[in-house]
Amino acid sequence: ILGGYALEDDFTGLKNCMLLAFTEKCTRDSIDLLCEILKESHHD
């Protein structure tokens, strides 16, 4: 999985946030899977 664009570099209020973009070729299931993986890897 490749990460998105780190928003903190341009927007100091968005620490630990990233921008992701998807095309119509990505299925809802694959996006949901990515979300689940990111939730599991999140550390406070």
N, C-alpha and C. Protein backbone atom coordinates (compact mmCIF):
# COMPACT_ATOMS: atom_id res chain seq x y z
N ILE A 1 0.86 -1.17 0.00
CA ILE A 1 0.00 0.00 0.00
C ILE A 1 0.89 1.22 0.00
N LEU A 2 0.67 2.10 -0.91
CA LEU A 2 1.42 3.35 -0.97
C LEU A 2 0.62 4.44 -0.30
N GLY A 3 1.28 5.26 0.48
CA GLY A 3 0.60 6.34 1.20
C GLY A 3 0.19 7.48 0.30
N GLY A 4 -0.61 8.35 0.85
CA GLY A 4 -1.09 9.53 0.13
C GLY A 4 -0.18 10.72 0.39
N TYR A 5 -0.71 11.91 0.17
CA TYR A 5 0.03 13.15 0.36
C TYR A 5 -0.13 13.61 1.81
N ALA A 6 0.98 13.83 2.49
CA ALA A 6 0.95 14.28 3.89
C ALA A 6 0.49 15.74 3.94
N LEU A 7 -0.63 15.99 4.57
CA LEU A 7 -1.21 17.33 4.60
C LEU A 7 -0.54 18.25 5.62
N GLU A 8 0.11 17.69 6.61
CA GLU A 8 0.74 18.50 7.65
C GLU A 8 1.79 19.45 7.10
N ASP A 9 2.45 19.07 6.02
CA ASP A 9 3.48 19.93 5.43
C ASP A 9 2.92 21.26 4.96
N ASP A 10 1.67 21.27 4.53
CA ASP A 10 1.05 22.50 4.01
C ASP A 10 -0.01 23.07 4.94
N PHE A 11 -0.55 22.25 5.83
CA PHE A 11 -1.62 22.67 6.72
C PHE A 11 -1.29 22.19 8.13
N THR A 12 -0.73 23.07 8.96
CA THR A 12 -0.25 22.66 10.28
C THR A 12 -1.34 22.09 11.17
N GLY A 13 -2.59 22.43 10.95
CA GLY A 13 -3.68 21.90 11.75
C GLY A 13 -4.07 20.49 11.39
N LEU A 14 -3.48 19.93 10.36
CA LEU A 14 -3.84 18.58 9.90
C LEU A 14 -2.71 17.59 10.15
N LYS A 15 -2.25 17.55 11.40
CA LYS A 15 -1.18 16.63 11.77
C LYS A 15 -1.66 15.19 11.63
N ASN A 16 -0.81 14.35 11.10
CA ASN A 16 -1.10 12.92 10.90
C ASN A 16 -2.28 12.69 9.96
N CYS A 17 -2.46 13.57 8.99
CA CYS A 17 -3.52 13.41 7.99
C CYS A 17 -2.90 13.29 6.61
N MET A 18 -3.57 12.54 5.75
CA MET A 18 -3.09 12.44 4.38
C MET A 18 -4.26 12.47 3.42
N LEU A 19 -3.98 12.97 2.25
CA LEU A 19 -4.97 13.05 1.19
C LEU A 19 -4.81 11.85 0.28
N LEU A 20 -5.90 11.16 0.03
CA LEU A 20 -5.90 10.01 -0.87
C LEU A 20 -6.87 10.30 -2.00
N ALA A 21 -6.55 9.84 -3.18
CA ALA A 21 -7.44 10.00 -4.33
C ALA A 21 -7.66 8.64 -4.96
N PHE A 22 -8.86 8.44 -5.45
CA PHE A 22 -9.22 7.17 -6.06
C PHE A 22 -9.89 7.43 -7.41
N THR A 23 -9.72 6.51 -8.32
CA THR A 23 -10.39 6.60 -9.61
C THR A 23 -11.54 5.62 -9.64
N GLU A 24 -12.27 5.66 -10.72
CA GLU A 24 -13.40 4.74 -10.88
C GLU A 24 -12.95 3.28 -11.00
N LYS A 25 -11.66 3.06 -11.18
CA LYS A 25 -11.15 1.69 -11.29
C LYS A 25 -11.02 1.02 -9.92
N CYS A 26 -11.05 1.81 -8.85
CA CYS A 26 -10.99 1.25 -7.50
C CYS A 26 -12.39 0.86 -7.06
N THR A 27 -12.51 -0.35 -6.57
CA THR A 27 -13.82 -0.81 -6.11
C THR A 27 -14.08 -0.31 -4.70
N ARG A 28 -15.33 -0.26 -4.34
CA ARG A 28 -15.70 0.13 -2.98
C ARG A 28 -15.08 -0.84 -1.97
N ASP A 29 -15.06 -2.11 -2.31
CA ASP A 29 -14.48 -3.11 -1.42
C ASP A 29 -12.99 -2.85 -1.17
N SER A 30 -12.25 -2.46 -2.21
CA SER A 30 -10.82 -2.21 -2.03
C SER A 30 -10.59 -0.95 -1.20
N ILE A 31 -11.45 0.04 -1.35
CA ILE A 31 -11.33 1.26 -0.54
C ILE A 31 -11.68 0.95 0.92
N ASP A 32 -12.72 0.17 1.13
CA ASP A 32 -13.09 -0.23 2.49
C ASP A 32 -11.98 -1.02 3.15
N LEU A 33 -11.33 -1.90 2.40
CA LEU A 33 -10.21 -2.67 2.93
C LEU A 33 -9.07 -1.74 3.34
N LEU A 34 -8.75 -0.77 2.51
CA LEU A 34 -7.70 0.20 2.84
C LEU A 34 -8.05 0.93 4.14
N CYS A 35 -9.29 1.34 4.28
CA CYS A 35 -9.73 2.03 5.50
C CYS A 35 -9.55 1.16 6.73
N GLU A 36 -9.91 -0.10 6.62
CA GLU A 36 -9.75 -1.02 7.75
C GLU A 36 -8.28 -1.20 8.11
N ILE A 37 -7.42 -1.33 7.11
CA ILE A 37 -5.98 -1.47 7.36
C ILE A 37 -5.43 -0.22 8.03
N LEU A 38 -5.85 0.94 7.57
CA LEU A 38 -5.38 2.19 8.17
C LEU A 38 -5.86 2.34 9.60
N LYS A 39 -7.09 1.94 9.88
CA LYS A 39 -7.61 1.99 11.25
C LYS A 39 -6.77 1.11 12.17
N GLU A 40 -6.42 -0.09 11.70
CA GLU A 40 -5.63 -1.03 12.51
C GLU A 40 -4.21 -0.53 12.75
N SER A 41 -3.68 0.24 11.83
CA SER A 41 -2.29 0.70 11.95
C SER A 41 -2.17 2.04 12.67
N HIS A 42 -3.29 2.66 13.02
CA HIS A 42 -3.28 3.98 13.66
C HIS A 42 -2.74 3.88 15.08
N HIS A 43 -1.82 4.76 15.40
CA HIS A 43 -1.25 4.84 16.74
C HIS A 43 -1.43 6.26 17.25
N ASP A 44 -1.91 6.40 18.49
CA ASP A 44 -2.10 7.74 19.08
C ASP A 44 -0.80 8.33 19.52
